[in-house]
Every structure is written in structure tokens, then in C-alpha cells.
PDB file of N, CA and C in Angstrom:
ATOM      1  N   MET A   1     168.024 -19.749 -82.104  1.00  0.00           N
ATOM      2  CA  MET A   1     167.608 -20.657 -81.049  1.00  0.00           C
ATOM      3  C   MET A   1     166.923 -21.861 -81.667  1.00  0.00           C
ATOM      4  N   VAL A   2     167.192 -23.012 -81.138  1.00  0.00           N
ATOM      5  CA  VAL A   2     166.542 -24.246 -81.554  1.00  0.00           C
ATOM      6  C   VAL A   2     165.807 -24.772 -80.341  1.00  0.00           C
ATOM      7  N   LEU A   3     164.571 -25.196 -80.538  1.00  0.00           N
ATOM      8  CA  LEU A   3     163.767 -25.675 -79.428  1.00  0.00           C
ATOM      9  C   LEU A   3     163.883 -27.187 -79.320  1.00  0.00           C
ATOM     10  N   PRO A   4     164.480 -27.693 -78.228  1.00  0.00           N
ATOM     11  CA  PRO A   4     164.534 -29.138 -78.042  1.00  0.00           C
ATOM     12  C   PRO A   4     163.276 -29.616 -77.321  1.00  0.00           C
ATOM     13  N   LEU A   5     162.637 -30.622 -77.855  1.00  0.00           N
ATOM     14  CA  LEU A   5     161.435 -31.163 -77.237  1.00  0.00           C
ATOM     15  C   LEU A   5     161.645 -32.639 -76.969  1.00  0.00           C
ATOM     16  N   GLY A   6     161.301 -33.087 -75.778  1.00  0.00           N
ATOM     17  CA  GLY A   6     161.550 -34.471 -75.467  1.00  0.00           C
ATOM     18  C   GLY A   6     160.494 -35.166 -74.626  1.00  0.00           C
ATOM     19  N   ARG A   7     159.389 -34.544 -74.345  1.00  0.00           N
ATOM     20  CA  ARG A   7     158.366 -35.178 -73.529  1.00  0.00           C
ATOM     21  C   ARG A   7     157.402 -35.940 -74.425  1.00  0.00           C
ATOM     22  N   HIS A   8     156.738 -36.930 -73.875  1.00  0.00           N
ATOM     23  CA  HIS A   8     155.811 -37.713 -74.678  1.00  0.00           C
ATOM     24  C   HIS A   8     154.527 -37.998 -73.918  1.00  0.00           C
ATOM     25  N   CYS A   9     153.888 -36.918 -73.433  1.00  0.00           N
ATOM     26  CA  CYS A   9     152.690 -37.099 -72.623  1.00  0.00           C
ATOM     27  C   CYS A   9     151.427 -36.565 -73.273  1.00  0.00           C
ATOM     28  N   GLU A  10     151.485 -36.014 -74.461  1.00  0.00           N
ATOM     29  CA  GLU A  10     150.278 -35.559 -75.134  1.00  0.00           C
ATOM     30  C   GLU A  10     150.396 -35.870 -76.609  1.00  0.00           C
ATOM     31  N   GLY A  11     149.274 -35.854 -77.326  1.00  0.00           N
ATOM     32  CA  GLY A  11     149.255 -36.240 -78.730  1.00  0.00           C
ATOM     33  C   GLY A  11     150.166 -35.415 -79.603  1.00  0.00           C
ATOM     34  N   LEU A  12     149.960 -34.132 -79.620  1.00  0.00           N
ATOM     35  CA  LEU A  12     150.819 -33.221 -80.377  1.00  0.00           C
ATOM     36  C   LEU A  12     151.131 -32.062 -79.466  1.00  0.00           C
ATOM     37  N   HIS A  13     152.388 -31.868 -79.211  1.00  0.00           N
ATOM     38  CA  HIS A  13     152.803 -30.784 -78.340  1.00  0.00           C
ATOM     39  C   HIS A  13     152.479 -29.458 -79.021  1.00  0.00           C
ATOM     40  N   CYS A  14     151.636 -28.655 -78.416  1.00  0.00           N
ATOM     41  CA  CYS A  14     151.306 -27.339 -78.985  1.00  0.00           C
ATOM     42  C   CYS A  14     152.562 -26.502 -79.165  1.00  0.00           C
ATOM     43  N   VAL A  15     153.521 -26.680 -78.279  1.00  0.00           N
ATOM     44  CA  VAL A  15     154.736 -25.876 -78.360  1.00  0.00           C
ATOM     45  C   VAL A  15     155.506 -26.171 -79.651  1.00  0.00           C
ATOM     46  N   THR A  16     155.366 -27.367 -80.201  1.00  0.00           N
ATOM     47  CA  THR A  16     156.027 -27.683 -81.472  1.00  0.00           C
ATOM     48  C   THR A  16     155.511 -26.777 -82.568  1.00  0.00           C
ATOM     49  N   VAL A  17     154.211 -26.700 -82.695  1.00  0.00           N
ATOM     50  CA  VAL A  17     153.580 -25.852 -83.715  1.00  0.00           C
ATOM     51  C   VAL A  17     153.857 -24.383 -83.412  1.00  0.00           C
ATOM     52  N   GLU A  18     153.739 -23.989 -82.153  1.00  0.00           N
ATOM     53  CA  GLU A  18     153.974 -22.591 -81.787  1.00  0.00           C
ATOM     54  C   GLU A  18     155.396 -22.165 -82.131  1.00  0.00           C
ATOM     55  N   ALA A  19     156.360 -23.018 -81.861  1.00  0.00           N
ATOM     56  CA  ALA A  19     157.754 -22.696 -82.183  1.00  0.00           C
ATOM     57  C   ALA A  19     157.929 -22.520 -83.679  1.00  0.00           C
ATOM     58  N   GLN A  20     157.393 -23.438 -84.457  1.00  0.00           N
ATOM     59  CA  GLN A  20     157.517 -23.341 -85.905  1.00  0.00           C
ATOM     60  C   GLN A  20     156.867 -22.063 -86.427  1.00  0.00           C
ATOM     61  N   GLN A  21     155.702 -21.717 -85.907  1.00  0.00           N
ATOM     62  CA  GLN A  21     155.029 -20.498 -86.355  1.00  0.00           C
ATOM     63  C   GLN A  21     155.779 -19.238 -85.935  1.00  0.00           C
ATOM     64  N   CYS A  22     156.535 -19.330 -84.841  1.00  0.00           N
ATOM     65  CA  CYS A  22     157.299 -18.176 -84.363  1.00  0.00           C
ATOM     66  C   CYS A  22     158.683 -18.086 -85.015  1.00  0.00           C
ATOM     67  N   GLY A  23     159.001 -19.016 -85.892  1.00  0.00           N
ATOM     68  CA  GLY A  23     160.280 -18.969 -86.581  1.00  0.00           C
ATOM     69  C   GLY A  23     161.421 -19.646 -85.853  1.00  0.00           C
ATOM     70  N   ILE A  24     161.098 -20.556 -84.947  1.00  0.00           N
ATOM     71  CA  ILE A  24     162.120 -21.264 -84.190  1.00  0.00           C
ATOM     72  C   ILE A  24     162.263 -22.670 -84.761  1.00  0.00           C
ATOM     73  N   PRO A  25     163.449 -23.037 -85.222  1.00  0.00           N
ATOM     74  CA  PRO A  25     163.655 -24.403 -85.717  1.00  0.00           C
ATOM     75  C   PRO A  25     163.437 -25.411 -84.592  1.00  0.00           C
ATOM     76  N   VAL A  26     162.946 -26.578 -84.939  1.00  0.00           N
ATOM     77  CA  VAL A  26     162.602 -27.584 -83.937  1.00  0.00           C
ATOM     78  C   VAL A  26     163.407 -28.860 -84.130  1.00  0.00           C
ATOM     79  N   ALA A  27     163.969 -29.341 -83.028  1.00  0.00           N
ATOM     80  CA  ALA A  27     164.528 -30.680 -82.935  1.00  0.00           C
ATOM     81  C   ALA A  27     163.731 -31.365 -81.837  1.00  0.00           C
ATOM     82  N   ALA A  28     163.095 -32.477 -82.149  1.00  0.00           N
ATOM     83  CA  ALA A  28     162.163 -33.090 -81.204  1.00  0.00           C
ATOM     84  C   ALA A  28     162.316 -34.606 -81.203  1.00  0.00           C
ATOM     85  N   THR A  29     161.718 -35.228 -80.179  1.00  0.00           N
ATOM     86  CA  THR A  29     161.677 -36.677 -80.152  1.00  0.00           C
ATOM     87  C   THR A  29     160.472 -37.151 -80.953  1.00  0.00           C
ATOM     88  N   ALA A  30     160.622 -38.276 -81.602  1.00  0.00           N
ATOM     89  CA  ALA A  30     159.574 -38.827 -82.470  1.00  0.00           C
ATOM     90  C   ALA A  30     158.568 -39.601 -81.632  1.00  0.00           C
ATOM     91  N   VAL A  31     157.700 -38.872 -80.967  1.00  0.00           N
ATOM     92  CA  VAL A  31     156.662 -39.484 -80.138  1.00  0.00           C
ATOM     93  C   VAL A  31     155.305 -38.959 -80.569  1.00  0.00           C
ATOM     94  N   ASN A  32     154.308 -39.789 -80.369  1.00  0.00           N
ATOM     95  CA  ASN A  32     152.925 -39.435 -80.650  1.00  0.00           C
ATOM     96  C   ASN A  32     152.786 -38.767 -82.011  1.00  0.00           C
ATOM     97  N   ALA A  33     152.126 -37.619 -82.084  1.00  0.00           N
ATOM     98  CA  ALA A  33     151.830 -36.971 -83.362  1.00  0.00           C
ATOM     99  C   ALA A  33     152.863 -35.923 -83.769  1.00  0.00           C
ATOM    100  N   VAL A  34     153.994 -35.869 -83.091  1.00  0.00           N
ATOM    101  CA  VAL A  34     155.011 -34.878 -83.425  1.00  0.00           C
ATOM    102  C   VAL A  34     155.449 -35.026 -84.879  1.00  0.00           C
ATOM    103  N   SER A  35     155.527 -36.257 -85.363  1.00  0.00           N
ATOM    104  CA  SER A  35     155.954 -36.477 -86.743  1.00  0.00           C
ATOM    105  C   SER A  35     154.939 -35.971 -87.763  1.00  0.00           C
ATOM    106  N   ASP A  36     153.748 -35.579 -87.321  1.00  0.00           N
ATOM    107  CA  ASP A  36     152.778 -34.957 -88.231  1.00  0.00           C
ATOM    108  C   ASP A  36     153.225 -33.565 -88.654  1.00  0.00           C
ATOM    109  N   VAL A  37     153.997 -32.886 -87.808  1.00  0.00           N
ATOM    110  CA  VAL A  37     154.428 -31.519 -88.128  1.00  0.00           C
ATOM    111  C   VAL A  37     155.933 -31.368 -88.265  1.00  0.00           C
ATOM    112  N   VAL A  38     156.696 -32.305 -87.715  1.00  0.00           N
ATOM    113  CA  VAL A  38     158.148 -32.255 -87.856  1.00  0.00           C
ATOM    114  C   VAL A  38     158.564 -33.380 -88.802  1.00  0.00           C
ATOM    115  N   ILE A  39     158.870 -33.001 -90.030  1.00  0.00           N
ATOM    116  CA  ILE A  39     159.312 -33.958 -91.039  1.00  0.00           C
ATOM    117  C   ILE A  39     160.834 -33.855 -91.102  1.00  0.00           C
ATOM    118  N   PRO A  40     161.530 -34.929 -90.738  1.00  0.00           N
ATOM    119  CA  PRO A  40     162.985 -34.872 -90.655  1.00  0.00           C
ATOM    120  C   PRO A  40     163.648 -34.327 -91.922  1.00  0.00           C
ATOM    121  N   GLY A  41     164.462 -33.299 -91.705  1.00  0.00           N
ATOM    122  CA  GLY A  41     165.199 -32.689 -92.805  1.00  0.00           C
ATOM    123  C   GLY A  41     164.397 -31.704 -93.634  1.00  0.00           C
ATOM    124  N   GLU A  42     163.086 -31.643 -93.413  1.00  0.00           N
ATOM    125  CA  GLU A  42     162.239 -30.705 -94.159  1.00  0.00           C
ATOM    126  C   GLU A  42     161.695 -29.595 -93.270  1.00  0.00           C
ATOM    127  N   THR A  43     161.167 -29.980 -92.100  1.00  0.00           N
ATOM    128  CA  THR A  43     160.580 -28.986 -91.197  1.00  0.00           C
ATOM    129  C   THR A  43     161.221 -29.030 -89.809  1.00  0.00           C
ATOM    130  N   GLY A  44     162.297 -29.762 -89.667  1.00  0.00           N
ATOM    131  CA  GLY A  44     162.995 -29.877 -88.390  1.00  0.00           C
ATOM    132  C   GLY A  44     163.727 -31.197 -88.330  1.00  0.00           C
ATOM    133  N   LEU A  45     164.064 -31.617 -87.133  1.00  0.00           N
ATOM    134  CA  LEU A  45     164.756 -32.888 -86.947  1.00  0.00           C
ATOM    135  C   LEU A  45     164.038 -33.705 -85.888  1.00  0.00           C
ATOM    136  N   LEU A  46     163.976 -35.008 -86.091  1.00  0.00           N
ATOM    137  CA  LEU A  46     163.385 -35.931 -85.128  1.00  0.00           C
ATOM    138  C   LEU A  46     164.419 -36.952 -84.701  1.00  0.00           C
ATOM    139  N   VAL A  47     164.370 -37.307 -83.430  1.00  0.00           N
ATOM    140  CA  VAL A  47     165.230 -38.362 -82.897  1.00  0.00           C
ATOM    141  C   VAL A  47     164.359 -39.295 -82.062  1.00  0.00           C
ATOM    142  N   PRO A  48     164.804 -40.524 -81.855  1.00  0.00           N
ATOM    143  CA  PRO A  48     164.026 -41.437 -81.016  1.00  0.00           C
ATOM    144  C   PRO A  48     163.948 -40.940 -79.570  1.00  0.00           C
ATOM    145  N   ALA A  49     162.845 -41.242 -78.926  1.00  0.00           N
ATOM    146  CA  ALA A  49     162.683 -40.896 -77.510  1.00  0.00           C
ATOM    147  C   ALA A  49     163.731 -41.639 -76.684  1.00  0.00           C
ATOM    148  N   GLY A  50     164.170 -41.011 -75.612  1.00  0.00           N
ATOM    149  CA  GLY A  50     165.129 -41.638 -74.715  1.00  0.00           C
ATOM    150  C   GLY A  50     166.561 -41.629 -75.225  1.00  0.00           C
ATOM    151  N   ARG A  51     166.838 -40.801 -76.220  1.00  0.00           N
ATOM    152  CA  ARG A  51     168.203 -40.721 -76.765  1.00  0.00           C
ATOM    153  C   ARG A  51     168.706 -39.285 -76.682  1.00  0.00           C
ATOM    154  N   PRO A  52     169.055 -38.826 -75.490  1.00  0.00           N
ATOM    155  CA  PRO A  52     169.526 -37.447 -75.346  1.00  0.00           C
ATOM    156  C   PRO A  52     170.784 -37.170 -76.154  1.00  0.00           C
ATOM    157  N   ASP A  53     171.592 -38.193 -76.404  1.00  0.00           N
ATOM    158  CA  ASP A  53     172.793 -38.003 -77.213  1.00  0.00           C
ATOM    159  C   ASP A  53     172.425 -37.602 -78.642  1.00  0.00           C
ATOM    160  N   LEU A  54     171.389 -38.243 -79.194  1.00  0.00           N
ATOM    161  CA  LEU A  54     170.958 -37.904 -80.547  1.00  0.00           C
ATOM    162  C   LEU A  54     170.255 -36.551 -80.588  1.00  0.00           C
ATOM    163  N   LEU A  55     169.516 -36.225 -79.525  1.00  0.00           N
ATOM    164  CA  LEU A  55     168.879 -34.912 -79.461  1.00  0.00           C
ATOM    165  C   LEU A  55     169.945 -33.828 -79.411  1.00  0.00           C
ATOM    166  N   ALA A  56     171.000 -34.039 -78.638  1.00  0.00           N
ATOM    167  CA  ALA A  56     172.102 -33.075 -78.578  1.00  0.00           C
ATOM    168  C   ALA A  56     172.760 -32.935 -79.951  1.00  0.00           C
ATOM    169  N   GLY A  57     172.928 -34.032 -80.647  1.00  0.00           N
ATOM    170  CA  GLY A  57     173.499 -33.987 -81.990  1.00  0.00           C
ATOM    171  C   GLY A  57     172.615 -33.230 -82.965  1.00  0.00           C
ATOM    172  N   ALA A  58     171.298 -33.412 -82.847  1.00  0.00           N
ATOM    173  CA  ALA A  58     170.365 -32.696 -83.713  1.00  0.00           C
ATOM    174  C   ALA A  58     170.431 -31.196 -83.447  1.00  0.00           C
ATOM    175  N   LEU A  59     170.531 -30.839 -82.172  1.00  0.00           N
ATOM    176  CA  LEU A  59     170.653 -29.423 -81.816  1.00  0.00           C
ATOM    177  C   LEU A  59     171.949 -28.841 -82.367  1.00  0.00           C
ATOM    178  N   ASP A  60     173.040 -29.569 -82.212  1.00  0.00           N
ATOM    179  CA  ASP A  60     174.324 -29.116 -82.762  1.00  0.00           C
ATOM    180  C   ASP A  60     174.228 -28.910 -84.272  1.00  0.00           C
ATOM    181  N   HIS A  61     173.586 -29.844 -84.949  1.00  0.00           N
ATOM    182  CA  HIS A  61     173.448 -29.757 -86.403  1.00  0.00           C
ATOM    183  C   HIS A  61     172.651 -28.513 -86.800  1.00  0.00           C
ATOM    184  N   ALA A  62     171.558 -28.262 -86.111  1.00  0.00           N
ATOM    185  CA  ALA A  62     170.730 -27.091 -86.424  1.00  0.00           C
ATOM    186  C   ALA A  62     171.490 -25.796 -86.155  1.00  0.00           C
ATOM    187  N   LEU A  63     172.199 -25.738 -85.048  1.00  0.00           N
ATOM    188  CA  LEU A  63     172.942 -24.527 -84.713  1.00  0.00           C
ATOM    189  C   LEU A  63     174.131 -24.295 -85.659  1.00  0.00           C
ATOM    190  N   ALA A  64     174.712 -25.365 -86.145  1.00  0.00           N
ATOM    191  CA  ALA A  64     175.851 -25.244 -87.061  1.00  0.00           C
ATOM    192  C   ALA A  64     175.425 -24.921 -88.496  1.00  0.00           C
ATOM    193  N   ASN A  65     174.124 -25.074 -88.774  1.00  0.00           N
ATOM    194  CA  ASN A  65     173.600 -24.852 -90.123  1.00  0.00           C
ATOM    195  C   ASN A  65     172.397 -23.913 -90.085  1.00  0.00           C
ATOM    196  N   PRO A  66     172.613 -22.629 -89.754  1.00  0.00           N
ATOM    197  CA  PRO A  66     171.483 -21.710 -89.583  1.00  0.00           C
ATOM    198  C   PRO A  66     170.657 -21.506 -90.849  1.00  0.00           C
ATOM    199  N   ASP A  67     171.276 -21.545 -92.031  1.00  0.00           N
ATOM    200  CA  ASP A  67     170.500 -21.392 -93.259  1.00  0.00           C
ATOM    201  C   ASP A  67     169.552 -22.567 -93.450  1.00  0.00           C
ATOM    202  N   LEU A  68     170.028 -23.750 -93.150  1.00  0.00           N
ATOM    203  CA  LEU A  68     169.195 -24.946 -93.242  1.00  0.00           C
ATOM    204  C   LEU A  68     168.055 -24.880 -92.227  1.00  0.00           C
ATOM    205  N   ALA A  69     168.366 -24.462 -91.009  1.00  0.00           N
ATOM    206  CA  ALA A  69     167.351 -24.341 -89.967  1.00  0.00           C
ATOM    207  C   ALA A  69     166.283 -23.319 -90.355  1.00  0.00           C
ATOM    208  N   ARG A  70     166.699 -22.206 -90.985  1.00  0.00           N
ATOM    209  CA  ARG A  70     165.723 -21.214 -91.465  1.00  0.00           C
ATOM    210  C   ARG A  70     164.815 -21.816 -92.523  1.00  0.00           C
ATOM    211  N   GLN A  71     165.373 -22.651 -93.371  1.00  0.00           N
ATOM    212  CA  GLN A  71     164.560 -23.295 -94.407  1.00  0.00           C
ATOM    213  C   GLN A  71     163.531 -24.236 -93.788  1.00  0.00           C
ATOM    214  N   TRP A  72     163.921 -24.933 -92.713  1.00  0.00           N
ATOM    215  CA  TRP A  72     162.953 -25.793 -92.027  1.00  0.00           C
ATOM    216  C   TRP A  72     161.764 -24.981 -91.546  1.00  0.00           C
ATOM    217  N   VAL A  73     162.052 -23.796 -90.997  1.00  0.00           N
ATOM    218  CA  VAL A  73     160.977 -22.941 -90.489  1.00  0.00           C
ATOM    219  C   VAL A  73     160.055 -22.516 -91.625  1.00  0.00           C
ATOM    220  N   LEU A  74     160.626 -22.091 -92.737  1.00  0.00           N
ATOM    221  CA  LEU A  74     159.804 -21.689 -93.884  1.00  0.00           C
ATOM    222  C   LEU A  74     158.957 -22.851 -94.376  1.00  0.00           C
ATOM    223  N   ASN A  75     159.557 -24.019 -94.473  1.00  0.00           N
ATOM    224  CA  ASN A  75     158.812 -25.209 -94.900  1.00  0.00           C
ATOM    225  C   ASN A  75     157.700 -25.546 -93.912  1.00  0.00           C
ATOM    226  N   ALA A  76     158.009 -25.433 -92.630  1.00  0.00           N
ATOM    227  CA  ALA A  76     157.016 -25.751 -91.595  1.00  0.00           C
ATOM    228  C   ALA A  76     155.832 -24.799 -91.668  1.00  0.00           C
ATOM    229  N   ARG A  77     156.101 -23.513 -91.832  1.00  0.00           N
ATOM    230  CA  ARG A  77     155.009 -22.535 -91.913  1.00  0.00           C
ATOM    231  C   ARG A  77     154.117 -22.828 -93.109  1.00  0.00           C
ATOM    232  N   THR A  78     154.721 -23.207 -94.225  1.00  0.00           N
ATOM    233  CA  THR A  78     153.935 -23.548 -95.406  1.00  0.00           C
ATOM    234  C   THR A  78     153.097 -24.792 -95.133  1.00  0.00           C
ATOM    235  N   GLN A  79     153.701 -25.791 -94.520  1.00  0.00           N
ATOM    236  CA  GLN A  79     152.994 -27.039 -94.227  1.00  0.00           C
ATOM    237  C   GLN A  79     151.858 -26.819 -93.227  1.00  0.00           C
ATOM    238  N   LEU A  80     152.115 -26.002 -92.218  1.00  0.00           N
ATOM    239  CA  LEU A  80     151.109 -25.779 -91.181  1.00  0.00           C
ATOM    240  C   LEU A  80     149.889 -25.053 -91.725  1.00  0.00           C
ATOM    241  N   GLY A  81     150.124 -24.028 -92.534  1.00  0.00           N
ATOM    242  CA  GLY A  81     149.014 -23.275 -93.110  1.00  0.00           C
ATOM    243  C   GLY A  81     147.986 -22.887 -92.066  1.00  0.00           C
ATOM    244  N   ALA A  82     146.739 -22.856 -92.457  1.00  0.00           N
ATOM    245  CA  ALA A  82     145.647 -22.471 -91.558  1.00  0.00           C
ATOM    246  C   ALA A  82     145.270 -23.589 -90.594  1.00  0.00           C
ATOM    247  N   ARG A  83     145.684 -24.821 -90.899  1.00  0.00           N
ATOM    248  CA  ARG A  83     145.307 -25.957 -90.051  1.00  0.00           C
ATOM    249  C   ARG A  83     145.752 -25.774 -88.607  1.00  0.00           C
ATOM    250  N   TYR A  84     146.918 -25.194 -88.410  1.00  0.00           N
ATOM    251  CA  TYR A  84     147.451 -25.016 -87.065  1.00  0.00           C
ATOM    252  C   TYR A  84     147.567 -23.543 -86.672  1.00  0.00           C
ATOM    253  N   ALA A  85     146.807 -22.679 -87.316  1.00  0.00           N
ATOM    254  CA  ALA A  85     146.809 -21.265 -86.948  1.00  0.00           C
ATOM    255  C   ALA A  85     146.307 -21.136 -85.514  1.00  0.00           C
ATOM    256  N   PRO A  86     146.796 -20.142 -84.776  1.00  0.00           N
ATOM    257  CA  PRO A  86     146.345 -19.985 -83.382  1.00  0.00           C
ATOM    258  C   PRO A  86     144.827 -19.917 -83.253  1.00  0.00           C
ATOM    259  N   GLU A  87     144.175 -19.272 -84.203  1.00  0.00           N
ATOM    260  CA  GLU A  87     142.717 -19.151 -84.135  1.00  0.00           C
ATOM    261  C   GLU A  87     142.057 -20.523 -84.283  1.00  0.00           C
ATOM    262  N   THR A  88     142.583 -21.337 -85.186  1.00  0.00           N
ATOM    263  CA  THR A  88     142.035 -22.677 -85.398  1.00  0.00           C
ATOM    264  C   THR A  88     142.265 -23.542 -84.168  1.00  0.00           C
ATOM    265  N   LEU A  89     143.483 -23.502 -83.631  1.00  0.00           N
ATOM    266  CA  LEU A  89     143.787 -24.291 -82.439  1.00  0.00           C
ATOM    267  C   LEU A  89     142.913 -23.871 -81.258  1.00  0.00           C
ATOM    268  N   ALA A  90     142.657 -22.586 -81.120  1.00  0.00           N
ATOM    269  CA  ALA A  90     141.825 -22.115 -80.010  1.00  0.00           C
ATOM    270  C   ALA A  90     140.428 -22.716 -80.096  1.00  0.00           C
ATOM    271  N   VAL A  91     139.859 -22.742 -81.278  1.00  0.00           N
ATOM    272  CA  VAL A  91     138.518 -23.300 -81.456  1.00  0.00           C
ATOM    273  C   VAL A  91     138.520 -24.797 -81.161  1.00  0.00           C
ATOM    274  N   VAL A  92     139.494 -25.506 -81.695  1.00  0.00           N
ATOM    275  CA  VAL A  92     139.567 -26.956 -81.500  1.00  0.00           C
ATOM    276  C   VAL A  92     139.775 -27.295 -80.022  1.00  0.00           C
ATOM    277  N   LEU A  93     140.711 -26.613 -79.374  1.00  0.00           N
ATOM    278  CA  LEU A  93     140.965 -26.883 -77.954  1.00  0.00           C
ATOM    279  C   LEU A  93     139.749 -26.556 -77.096  1.00  0.00           C
ATOM    280  N   ASP A  94     139.044 -25.487 -77.433  1.00  0.00           N
ATOM    281  CA  ASP A  94     137.830 -25.138 -76.706  1.00  0.00           C
ATOM    282  C   ASP A  94     136.786 -26.239 -76.849  1.00  0.00           C
ATOM    283  N   GLU A  95     136.636 -26.759 -78.060  1.00  0.00           N
ATOM    284  CA  GLU A  95     135.664 -27.834 -78.291  1.00  0.00           C
ATOM    285  C   GLU A  95     136.057 -29.105 -77.547  1.00  0.00           C
ATOM    286  N   VAL A  96     137.335 -29.410 -77.521  1.00  0.00           N
ATOM    287  CA  VAL A  96     137.803 -30.642 -76.886  1.00  0.00           C
ATOM    288  C   VAL A  96     137.671 -30.576 -75.367  1.00  0.00           C
ATOM    289  N   TYR A  97     138.034 -29.445 -74.777  1.00  0.00           N
ATOM    290  CA  TYR A  97     138.096 -29.372 -73.322  1.00  0.00           C
ATOM    291  C   TYR A  97     136.869 -28.747 -72.650  1.00  0.00           C
ATOM    292  N   SER A  98     135.935 -28.227 -73.421  1.00  0.00           N
ATOM    293  CA  SER A  98     134.719 -27.672 -72.823  1.00  0.00           C
ATOM    294  C   SER A  98     133.778 -28.811 -72.457  1.00  0.00           C
ATOM    295  N   PRO A  99     133.073 -28.653 -71.340  1.00  0.00           N
ATOM    296  CA  PRO A  99     132.106 -29.693 -70.970  1.00  0.00           C
ATOM    297  C   PRO A  99     131.038 -29.810 -72.049  1.00  0.00           C
ATOM    298  N   ARG A 100     130.706 -31.010 -72.365  1.00  0.00           N
ATOM    299  CA  ARG A 100     129.678 -31.237 -73.379  1.00  0.00           C
ATOM    300  C   ARG A 100     128.307 -31.068 -72.744  1.00  0.00           C
ATOM    301  N   GLN A 101     127.438 -30.388 -73.444  1.00  0.00           N
ATOM    302  CA  GLN A 101     126.055 -30.219 -72.995  1.00  0.00           C
ATOM    303  C   GLN A 101     125.173 -31.127 -73.842  1.00  0.00           C
ATOM    304  N   GLU A 102     124.331 -31.885 -73.188  1.00  0.00           N
ATOM    305  CA  GLU A 102     123.394 -32.721 -73.922  1.00  0.00           C
ATOM    306  C   GLU A 102     122.309 -31.834 -74.510  1.00  0.00           C
ATOM    307  N   PRO A 103     121.751 -32.210 -75.640  1.00  0.00           N
ATOM    308  CA  PRO A 103     120.615 -31.449 -76.176  1.00  0.00           C
ATOM    309  C   PRO A 103     119.486 -31.437 -75.164  1.00  0.00           C
ATOM    310  N   ALA A 104     118.728 -30.343 -75.129  1.00  0.00           N
ATOM    311  CA  ALA A 104     117.679 -30.151 -74.124  1.00  0.00           C
ATOM    312  C   ALA A 104     116.681 -31.299 -74.110  1.00  0.00           C
ATOM    313  N   GLN A 105     116.296 -31.835 -75.269  1.00  0.00           N
ATOM    314  CA  GLN A 105     115.277 -32.883 -75.312  1.00  0.00           C
ATOM    315  C   GLN A 105     115.769 -34.214 -74.738  1.00  0.00           C
ATOM    316  N   THR A 106     117.076 -34.417 -74.606  1.00  0.00           N
ATOM    317  CA  THR A 106     117.571 -35.691 -74.076  1.00  0.00           C
ATOM    318  C   THR A 106     118.057 -35.579 -72.637  1.00  0.00           C
ATOM    319  N   ARG A 107     118.056 -34.375 -72.063  1.00  0.00           N
ATOM    320  CA  ARG A 107     118.494 -34.223 -70.675  1.00  0.00           C
ATOM    321  C   ARG A 107     117.499 -34.891 -69.740  1.00  0.00           C
ATOM    322  N   ARG A 108     118.034 -35.563 -68.760  1.00  0.00           N
ATOM    323  CA  ARG A 108     117.177 -36.216 -67.778  1.00  0.00           C
ATOM    324  C   ARG A 108     116.967 -35.272 -66.606  1.00  0.00           C
ATOM    325  N   SER A 109     115.768 -35.087 -66.234  1.00  0.00           N
ATOM    326  CA  SER A 109     115.477 -34.238 -65.087  1.00  0.00           C
ATOM    327  C   SER A 109     115.525 -35.120 -63.840  1.00  0.00           C
ATOM    328  N   TRP A 110     116.555 -34.937 -63.022  1.00  0.00           N
ATOM    329  CA  TRP A 110     116.730 -35.765 -61.838  1.00  0.00           C
ATOM    330  C   TRP A 110     115.641 -35.511 -60.797  1.00  0.00           C
ATOM    331  N   SER A 111     115.049 -34.327 -60.821  1.00  0.00           N
ATOM    332  CA  SER A 111     113.991 -34.058 -59.842  1.00  0.00           C
ATOM    333  C   SER A 111     112.726 -34.825 -60.191  1.00  0.00           C
ATOM    334  N   LYS A 112     112.578 -35.260 -61.431  1.00  0.00           N
ATOM    335  CA  LYS A 112     111.383 -36.010 -61.825  1.00  0.00           C
ATOM    336  C   LYS A 112     111.697 -37.491 -62.016  1.00  0.00           C
ATOM    337  N   ALA A 113     112.908 -37.903 -61.692  1.00  0.00           N
ATOM    338  CA  ALA A 113     113.299 -39.294 -61.906  1.00  0.00           C
ATOM    339  C   ALA A 113     112.512 -40.203 -60.975  1.00  0.00           C
ATOM    340  N   SER A 114     112.173 -41.370 -61.470  1.00  0.00           N
ATOM    341  CA  SER A 114     111.411 -42.299 -60.627  1.00  0.00           C
ATOM    342  C   SER A 114     112.308 -43.272 -59.934  1.00  0.00           C
TER     343      SER A 114
END
């Protein structure tokens, strides 16, 4: 199976990294930070956004060359290392999306506000 990705609404699609870690070759559109983890010909294939014809061609190429696609997965796992491990991503996402708490000494007490 090859995972086609074509949306461009977030910095780095988590599904790109998840697919690579799960052993699924990736063909994706070159948007935002996707090119940080999908290096054309090394860890998958990239095509310009808005070109479904090229995405279809990339998928055909990956499916016709399973040994090459397996090598992309191995290369991707090596490149990803601990930086994109599920445990690391969980911590980072928690930090990014959790409400920030101000330190106690800088909190303004609205009941004492003048």
C-alpha cells in the first residue's frame, strides 16, 4: 500500500510520519513541512500541490517498484529516528495544544483589580 497525501492545511501532516513509521511508502504533495520528512527518491515521492496526474504517476511508480518503495521506508525510519517517535510527538503536541498557565507570581487577580 502507498499512502497518497494531498492536503495542505497543517505544517507537517502527522499521518506522513505515522505512515513511514508503520512501513507504508509515501507519495505526497510538496506543501508546508512535508519535504522535511519526504525526500524525493530517498524516503518517498513528492509532487507539486494541485497536480493529481503527477500524484497518480507517483503512486503507480511506487506500486510498480515494491523493492524501491521498501527502501524508502527503511530510509525514512532511519531519518526519523527518535525525533518523530510517537512518544516524542505526544509530548510536543501536548505542549503545543495545552493551555498555557502563567507563573503564579504574574497572574492577575481579577477580584482585586482596580
